[in-house]
């Protein structure tokens, strides 16, 4: 998954801290194909946490707006966590990072409470610093 951001340092720092991610590599020179698909791209950084790899990148001329809620958008990404306690910890960590003042948030909305569906699946919804939504879920018996 690629995350376009208006502030790469802010975005990178938050992802490293919130997801305990690791920076894998970065680029500042791109192929003609990449330049044609992402005009103005300046830097791309790959991070990973668990089995997930994300590309964080910035582009010259980014308007800094969040997606229109009524238009087509990637609504949210679901990330499975190992234990119900991890949901509690991730919610606490989000609030801690928000209150630290170290990061600027495009949508300063607190994470939801942890909800439990009829099958015992626990979920928590939150926004990253760019206003992109994540669902963190614990599935009691593993993946479905």
N, C-alpha and C. Protein backbone atom coordinates (compact mmCIF):
# COMPACT_ATOMS: atom_id res chain seq x y z
N UNK A 1 0.85 -1.16 0.00
CA UNK A 1 0.00 0.00 0.00
C UNK A 1 0.90 1.23 0.00
N UNK A 2 0.52 2.23 -0.74
CA UNK A 2 1.25 3.49 -0.77
C UNK A 2 0.45 4.58 -0.09
N UNK A 3 1.12 5.38 0.72
CA UNK A 3 0.47 6.49 1.44
C UNK A 3 1.13 7.78 0.98
N UNK A 4 0.34 8.60 0.26
CA UNK A 4 0.83 9.92 -0.16
C UNK A 4 0.57 10.90 0.97
N UNK A 5 1.57 11.70 1.28
CA UNK A 5 1.48 12.63 2.40
C UNK A 5 2.02 14.00 2.02
N UNK A 6 1.56 15.01 2.70
CA UNK A 6 2.06 16.37 2.49
C UNK A 6 3.26 16.66 3.38
N UNK A 7 3.49 15.80 4.40
CA UNK A 7 4.59 16.00 5.34
C UNK A 7 5.22 14.65 5.64
N UNK A 8 6.24 14.30 4.87
CA UNK A 8 6.84 12.96 4.97
C UNK A 8 7.48 12.71 6.33
N UNK A 9 8.14 13.70 6.91
CA UNK A 9 8.77 13.50 8.22
C UNK A 9 7.72 13.22 9.29
N UNK A 10 6.63 13.99 9.29
CA UNK A 10 5.53 13.80 10.23
C UNK A 10 4.93 12.40 10.07
N UNK A 11 4.68 12.02 8.84
CA UNK A 11 4.07 10.73 8.54
C UNK A 11 4.99 9.57 8.95
N UNK A 12 6.23 9.65 8.54
CA UNK A 12 7.20 8.59 8.85
C UNK A 12 7.34 8.42 10.36
N UNK A 13 7.53 9.51 11.08
CA UNK A 13 7.69 9.43 12.53
C UNK A 13 6.50 8.77 13.20
N UNK A 14 5.29 9.17 12.77
CA UNK A 14 4.09 8.61 13.38
C UNK A 14 3.98 7.11 13.12
N UNK A 15 4.19 6.68 11.87
CA UNK A 15 4.10 5.25 11.54
C UNK A 15 5.16 4.44 12.29
N UNK A 16 6.36 4.97 12.40
CA UNK A 16 7.40 4.26 13.13
C UNK A 16 7.01 4.08 14.60
N UNK A 17 6.47 5.14 15.21
CA UNK A 17 6.10 5.07 16.62
C UNK A 17 4.81 4.30 16.86
N UNK A 18 3.77 4.58 16.08
CA UNK A 18 2.47 3.96 16.36
C UNK A 18 2.48 2.47 16.07
N UNK A 19 2.98 2.07 14.93
CA UNK A 19 2.97 0.66 14.54
C UNK A 19 4.26 -0.07 14.91
N UNK A 20 5.19 0.61 15.61
CA UNK A 20 6.50 0.00 15.89
C UNK A 20 7.13 -0.48 14.60
N UNK A 21 6.97 0.32 13.56
CA UNK A 21 7.46 -0.04 12.23
C UNK A 21 8.97 0.15 12.13
N UNK A 22 9.52 -0.44 11.09
CA UNK A 22 10.96 -0.33 10.81
C UNK A 22 11.13 0.27 9.42
N UNK A 23 12.01 1.25 9.31
CA UNK A 23 12.33 1.82 8.01
C UNK A 23 13.22 0.83 7.27
N UNK A 24 12.82 0.47 6.04
CA UNK A 24 13.57 -0.51 5.27
C UNK A 24 14.53 0.14 4.27
N UNK A 25 14.04 1.12 3.49
CA UNK A 25 14.87 1.80 2.50
C UNK A 25 14.16 3.06 2.05
N UNK A 26 14.88 3.90 1.30
CA UNK A 26 14.28 5.09 0.72
C UNK A 26 14.88 5.38 -0.65
N UNK A 27 14.10 6.08 -1.48
CA UNK A 27 14.51 6.47 -2.83
C UNK A 27 14.27 7.95 -3.03
N UNK A 28 15.12 8.58 -3.83
CA UNK A 28 14.85 9.96 -4.27
C UNK A 28 15.12 10.12 -5.77
N UNK A 29 15.35 8.98 -6.46
CA UNK A 29 15.48 8.95 -7.91
C UNK A 29 14.51 7.90 -8.41
N UNK A 30 13.76 8.23 -9.51
CA UNK A 30 12.66 7.37 -9.92
C UNK A 30 12.68 7.09 -11.41
N UNK A 31 12.07 5.97 -11.77
CA UNK A 31 11.96 5.58 -13.17
C UNK A 31 10.98 6.51 -13.88
N UNK A 32 11.04 6.49 -15.22
CA UNK A 32 10.10 7.29 -16.01
C UNK A 32 8.66 6.85 -15.73
N UNK A 33 8.45 5.56 -15.55
CA UNK A 33 7.11 5.05 -15.25
C UNK A 33 6.59 5.67 -13.94
N UNK A 34 7.39 5.62 -12.89
CA UNK A 34 6.97 6.19 -11.61
C UNK A 34 6.71 7.68 -11.74
N UNK A 35 7.58 8.39 -12.43
CA UNK A 35 7.39 9.84 -12.62
C UNK A 35 6.12 10.15 -13.41
N UNK A 36 5.76 9.27 -14.36
CA UNK A 36 4.53 9.51 -15.13
C UNK A 36 3.29 9.21 -14.29
N UNK A 37 3.37 8.24 -13.39
CA UNK A 37 2.23 7.88 -12.54
C UNK A 37 2.09 8.81 -11.35
N UNK A 38 3.20 9.32 -10.83
CA UNK A 38 3.20 10.17 -9.64
C UNK A 38 4.00 11.44 -9.91
N UNK A 39 3.49 12.33 -10.75
CA UNK A 39 4.24 13.55 -11.07
C UNK A 39 4.60 14.32 -9.80
N UNK A 40 5.82 14.79 -9.75
CA UNK A 40 6.28 15.57 -8.61
C UNK A 40 6.78 14.77 -7.42
N UNK A 41 6.81 13.41 -7.54
CA UNK A 41 7.30 12.60 -6.41
C UNK A 41 8.73 13.01 -6.09
N UNK A 42 9.01 13.17 -4.81
CA UNK A 42 10.34 13.62 -4.38
C UNK A 42 11.09 12.55 -3.60
N UNK A 43 10.38 11.83 -2.75
CA UNK A 43 11.03 10.82 -1.93
C UNK A 43 10.01 9.74 -1.60
N UNK A 44 10.47 8.49 -1.53
CA UNK A 44 9.65 7.35 -1.17
C UNK A 44 10.40 6.55 -0.12
N UNK A 45 9.72 6.19 0.95
CA UNK A 45 10.33 5.42 2.03
C UNK A 45 9.48 4.17 2.26
N UNK A 46 10.12 3.01 2.29
CA UNK A 46 9.40 1.78 2.63
C UNK A 46 9.59 1.50 4.11
N UNK A 47 8.46 1.20 4.78
CA UNK A 47 8.49 0.76 6.17
C UNK A 47 7.79 -0.58 6.25
N UNK A 48 8.04 -1.31 7.35
CA UNK A 48 7.34 -2.58 7.55
C UNK A 48 7.02 -2.77 9.01
N UNK A 49 5.93 -3.48 9.24
CA UNK A 49 5.58 -3.95 10.58
C UNK A 49 4.81 -5.25 10.39
N UNK A 50 5.22 -6.28 11.11
CA UNK A 50 4.63 -7.60 10.88
C UNK A 50 4.86 -8.00 9.44
N UNK A 51 3.80 -8.47 8.77
CA UNK A 51 3.88 -8.86 7.37
C UNK A 51 3.50 -7.74 6.42
N UNK A 52 3.31 -6.54 6.95
CA UNK A 52 2.84 -5.41 6.15
C UNK A 52 4.00 -4.51 5.75
N UNK A 53 4.00 -4.15 4.47
CA UNK A 53 4.97 -3.20 3.95
C UNK A 53 4.19 -2.02 3.38
N UNK A 54 4.60 -0.81 3.76
CA UNK A 54 3.97 0.41 3.26
C UNK A 54 5.00 1.29 2.59
N UNK A 55 4.57 1.97 1.54
CA UNK A 55 5.40 2.99 0.91
C UNK A 55 4.83 4.34 1.28
N UNK A 56 5.62 5.17 1.92
CA UNK A 56 5.24 6.53 2.27
C UNK A 56 5.96 7.44 1.29
N UNK A 57 5.24 8.41 0.68
CA UNK A 57 5.89 9.29 -0.28
C UNK A 57 5.24 10.65 -0.30
N UNK A 58 6.03 11.63 -0.73
CA UNK A 58 5.50 12.99 -0.90
C UNK A 58 5.65 13.41 -2.34
N UNK A 59 4.85 14.40 -2.73
CA UNK A 59 4.86 14.92 -4.10
C UNK A 59 4.80 16.44 -4.04
N UNK A 60 5.53 17.08 -4.92
CA UNK A 60 5.45 18.54 -5.04
C UNK A 60 4.02 18.90 -5.44
N UNK A 61 3.49 19.95 -4.88
CA UNK A 61 2.17 20.42 -5.25
C UNK A 61 1.03 19.72 -4.55
N UNK A 62 1.29 18.91 -3.55
CA UNK A 62 0.22 18.23 -2.81
C UNK A 62 -0.70 19.29 -2.21
N UNK A 63 -2.02 19.11 -2.33
CA UNK A 63 -2.95 20.13 -1.84
C UNK A 63 -3.25 20.01 -0.35
N UNK A 64 -2.81 18.93 0.30
CA UNK A 64 -2.99 18.79 1.74
C UNK A 64 -4.41 18.48 2.18
N UNK A 65 -5.33 18.28 1.24
CA UNK A 65 -6.72 17.98 1.61
C UNK A 65 -6.91 16.49 1.85
N UNK A 66 -7.83 16.18 2.76
CA UNK A 66 -8.20 14.78 2.97
C UNK A 66 -9.22 14.39 1.90
N UNK A 67 -9.40 13.07 1.65
CA UNK A 67 -10.36 12.64 0.62
C UNK A 67 -11.78 13.09 0.96
N UNK A 68 -12.57 13.32 -0.06
CA UNK A 68 -13.97 13.68 0.07
C UNK A 68 -14.75 12.46 0.57
N UNK A 69 -15.42 12.58 1.71
CA UNK A 69 -16.16 11.45 2.29
C UNK A 69 -17.26 10.92 1.39
N UNK A 70 -17.78 11.75 0.48
CA UNK A 70 -18.87 11.33 -0.39
C UNK A 70 -18.39 10.77 -1.72
N UNK A 71 -17.08 10.86 -1.98
CA UNK A 71 -16.54 10.36 -3.24
C UNK A 71 -15.96 8.96 -3.06
N UNK A 72 -15.41 8.44 -4.14
CA UNK A 72 -14.74 7.14 -4.06
C UNK A 72 -13.44 7.31 -3.27
N UNK A 73 -13.19 6.41 -2.36
CA UNK A 73 -11.94 6.43 -1.62
C UNK A 73 -11.68 5.04 -1.07
N UNK A 74 -10.47 4.84 -0.68
CA UNK A 74 -10.08 3.61 -0.01
C UNK A 74 -10.57 3.79 1.42
N UNK A 75 -11.70 3.19 1.80
CA UNK A 75 -12.39 3.54 3.03
C UNK A 75 -11.55 3.26 4.28
N UNK A 76 -11.01 2.07 4.41
CA UNK A 76 -10.08 1.80 5.52
C UNK A 76 -9.30 0.52 5.21
N UNK A 77 -8.22 0.35 5.95
CA UNK A 77 -7.39 -0.85 5.85
C UNK A 77 -7.51 -1.57 7.18
N UNK A 78 -7.71 -2.87 7.13
CA UNK A 78 -7.84 -3.67 8.36
C UNK A 78 -6.50 -4.36 8.65
N UNK A 79 -6.03 -4.18 9.88
CA UNK A 79 -4.79 -4.81 10.34
C UNK A 79 -5.15 -5.70 11.52
N UNK A 80 -4.81 -6.98 11.41
CA UNK A 80 -5.12 -7.92 12.49
C UNK A 80 -4.04 -7.84 13.56
N UNK A 81 -4.48 -7.84 14.82
CA UNK A 81 -3.55 -7.86 15.95
C UNK A 81 -3.65 -9.21 16.65
N UNK A 82 -2.63 -9.54 17.45
CA UNK A 82 -2.53 -10.87 18.03
C UNK A 82 -3.43 -11.09 19.25
N UNK A 83 -3.67 -10.03 20.04
CA UNK A 83 -4.42 -10.19 21.28
C UNK A 83 -5.40 -9.04 21.47
N UNK A 84 -6.46 -9.27 22.24
CA UNK A 84 -7.37 -8.17 22.56
C UNK A 84 -6.65 -7.02 23.30
N UNK A 85 -5.67 -7.36 24.13
CA UNK A 85 -4.93 -6.35 24.89
C UNK A 85 -4.17 -5.41 23.95
N UNK A 86 -3.74 -5.91 22.79
CA UNK A 86 -3.03 -5.05 21.85
C UNK A 86 -3.94 -3.92 21.35
N UNK A 87 -5.23 -4.19 21.21
CA UNK A 87 -6.16 -3.14 20.82
C UNK A 87 -6.19 -2.03 21.88
N UNK A 88 -6.23 -2.42 23.13
CA UNK A 88 -6.23 -1.45 24.24
C UNK A 88 -4.93 -0.64 24.20
N UNK A 89 -3.82 -1.32 24.00
CA UNK A 89 -2.51 -0.64 23.96
C UNK A 89 -2.39 0.30 22.77
N UNK A 90 -2.86 -0.13 21.59
CA UNK A 90 -2.77 0.72 20.40
C UNK A 90 -3.66 1.96 20.55
N UNK A 91 -4.82 1.81 21.14
CA UNK A 91 -5.69 2.97 21.38
C UNK A 91 -5.00 3.95 22.33
N UNK A 92 -4.44 3.41 23.41
CA UNK A 92 -3.72 4.25 24.38
C UNK A 92 -2.55 4.94 23.70
N UNK A 93 -1.82 4.21 22.87
CA UNK A 93 -0.65 4.78 22.20
C UNK A 93 -1.05 5.89 21.24
N UNK A 94 -2.15 5.71 20.48
CA UNK A 94 -2.62 6.75 19.56
C UNK A 94 -2.89 8.04 20.34
N UNK A 95 -3.62 7.91 21.45
CA UNK A 95 -3.95 9.09 22.26
C UNK A 95 -2.67 9.73 22.81
N UNK A 96 -1.75 8.91 23.25
CA UNK A 96 -0.48 9.42 23.78
C UNK A 96 0.30 10.19 22.70
N UNK A 97 0.38 9.66 21.49
CA UNK A 97 1.08 10.34 20.40
C UNK A 97 0.36 11.62 20.01
N UNK A 98 -0.97 11.59 19.99
CA UNK A 98 -1.75 12.78 19.66
C UNK A 98 -1.50 13.88 20.70
N UNK A 99 -1.59 13.52 21.97
CA UNK A 99 -1.43 14.49 23.05
C UNK A 99 0.01 14.98 23.21
N UNK A 100 0.98 14.24 22.65
CA UNK A 100 2.38 14.65 22.77
C UNK A 100 2.67 15.95 22.01
N UNK A 101 1.86 16.24 20.99
CA UNK A 101 2.08 17.43 20.19
C UNK A 101 3.21 17.28 19.18
N UNK A 102 3.79 16.09 19.08
CA UNK A 102 4.90 15.86 18.15
C UNK A 102 4.42 15.69 16.70
N UNK A 103 3.13 15.41 16.52
CA UNK A 103 2.61 15.12 15.19
C UNK A 103 1.42 16.02 14.87
N UNK A 104 1.29 16.34 13.59
CA UNK A 104 0.15 17.10 13.10
C UNK A 104 -0.82 16.11 12.46
N UNK A 105 -2.09 16.17 12.84
CA UNK A 105 -3.11 15.26 12.35
C UNK A 105 -4.07 16.00 11.42
N UNK A 106 -4.32 15.43 10.24
CA UNK A 106 -5.27 16.03 9.30
C UNK A 106 -6.70 15.93 9.83
N UNK A 107 -6.99 14.87 10.57
CA UNK A 107 -8.32 14.68 11.17
C UNK A 107 -8.11 14.36 12.64
N UNK A 108 -8.19 15.35 13.49
CA UNK A 108 -7.91 15.12 14.91
C UNK A 108 -9.09 14.49 15.65
N UNK A 109 -9.57 13.36 15.14
CA UNK A 109 -10.66 12.63 15.79
C UNK A 109 -10.07 11.49 16.60
N UNK A 110 -10.52 11.34 17.83
CA UNK A 110 -10.04 10.26 18.68
C UNK A 110 -10.41 8.91 18.09
N UNK A 111 -9.65 7.87 18.42
CA UNK A 111 -10.03 6.52 18.00
C UNK A 111 -11.39 6.14 18.60
N UNK A 112 -12.08 5.24 17.94
CA UNK A 112 -13.34 4.75 18.49
C UNK A 112 -13.06 3.94 19.75
N UNK A 113 -14.11 3.64 20.45
CA UNK A 113 -14.01 2.65 21.52
C UNK A 113 -13.82 1.30 20.84
N UNK A 114 -13.39 0.31 21.57
CA UNK A 114 -13.25 -1.04 21.04
C UNK A 114 -14.65 -1.67 21.04
N UNK A 115 -15.06 -2.17 19.88
CA UNK A 115 -16.38 -2.79 19.76
C UNK A 115 -16.20 -4.29 19.54
N UNK A 116 -17.21 -5.05 19.94
CA UNK A 116 -17.17 -6.51 19.80
C UNK A 116 -18.43 -6.92 19.04
N UNK A 117 -18.24 -7.68 17.92
CA UNK A 117 -19.41 -8.12 17.16
C UNK A 117 -19.93 -9.45 17.71
N UNK A 118 -20.98 -9.97 17.11
CA UNK A 118 -21.64 -11.19 17.60
C UNK A 118 -20.74 -12.42 17.55
N UNK A 119 -19.69 -12.39 16.71
CA UNK A 119 -18.76 -13.51 16.62
C UNK A 119 -17.56 -13.35 17.55
N UNK A 120 -17.54 -12.29 18.35
CA UNK A 120 -16.43 -12.06 19.28
C UNK A 120 -15.26 -11.32 18.67
N UNK A 121 -15.40 -10.85 17.42
CA UNK A 121 -14.32 -10.08 16.78
C UNK A 121 -14.32 -8.68 17.39
N UNK A 122 -13.15 -8.27 17.86
CA UNK A 122 -12.98 -6.94 18.45
C UNK A 122 -12.35 -6.02 17.42
N UNK A 123 -12.86 -4.78 17.34
CA UNK A 123 -12.34 -3.82 16.36
C UNK A 123 -12.19 -2.44 16.98
N UNK A 124 -11.21 -1.72 16.46
CA UNK A 124 -10.90 -0.35 16.85
C UNK A 124 -10.63 0.41 15.56
N UNK A 125 -11.24 1.58 15.40
CA UNK A 125 -11.04 2.39 14.20
C UNK A 125 -10.31 3.68 14.58
N UNK A 126 -9.33 4.06 13.74
CA UNK A 126 -8.56 5.27 14.01
C UNK A 126 -8.01 5.83 12.72
N UNK A 127 -7.61 7.11 12.77
CA UNK A 127 -7.04 7.78 11.60
C UNK A 127 -5.54 7.98 11.80
N UNK A 128 -4.78 7.84 10.71
CA UNK A 128 -3.36 8.17 10.75
C UNK A 128 -3.22 9.69 10.65
N UNK A 129 -2.00 10.19 10.61
CA UNK A 129 -1.75 11.63 10.56
C UNK A 129 -2.26 12.27 9.28
N UNK A 130 -2.48 11.48 8.23
CA UNK A 130 -2.97 12.00 6.94
C UNK A 130 -4.48 11.98 6.82
N UNK A 131 -5.17 11.41 7.81
CA UNK A 131 -6.62 11.28 7.74
C UNK A 131 -7.07 9.99 7.10
N UNK A 132 -6.16 9.01 6.95
CA UNK A 132 -6.50 7.70 6.40
C UNK A 132 -6.93 6.78 7.54
N UNK A 133 -8.00 6.04 7.30
CA UNK A 133 -8.58 5.23 8.38
C UNK A 133 -8.04 3.80 8.39
N UNK A 134 -7.79 3.33 9.61
CA UNK A 134 -7.38 1.95 9.86
C UNK A 134 -8.38 1.30 10.80
N UNK A 135 -8.61 0.01 10.57
CA UNK A 135 -9.34 -0.81 11.53
C UNK A 135 -8.33 -1.79 12.09
N UNK A 136 -8.17 -1.82 13.39
CA UNK A 136 -7.34 -2.82 14.03
C UNK A 136 -8.31 -3.84 14.63
N UNK A 137 -8.11 -5.12 14.31
CA UNK A 137 -9.05 -6.16 14.72
C UNK A 137 -8.34 -7.33 15.37
N UNK A 138 -9.04 -7.91 16.34
CA UNK A 138 -8.60 -9.18 16.90
C UNK A 138 -9.69 -10.20 16.60
N UNK A 139 -9.29 -11.29 15.94
CA UNK A 139 -10.22 -12.37 15.60
C UNK A 139 -9.89 -13.51 16.55
N UNK A 140 -10.85 -13.91 17.41
CA UNK A 140 -10.55 -14.86 18.48
C UNK A 140 -9.92 -16.19 18.03
N UNK A 141 -10.35 -16.70 16.88
CA UNK A 141 -9.83 -18.00 16.44
C UNK A 141 -8.92 -17.87 15.24
N UNK A 142 -8.32 -16.70 15.03
CA UNK A 142 -7.43 -16.49 13.90
C UNK A 142 -8.18 -16.05 12.65
N UNK A 143 -7.47 -15.94 11.54
CA UNK A 143 -8.09 -15.45 10.29
C UNK A 143 -9.26 -16.32 9.85
N UNK A 144 -10.24 -15.66 9.22
CA UNK A 144 -11.42 -16.39 8.74
C UNK A 144 -11.24 -16.81 7.32
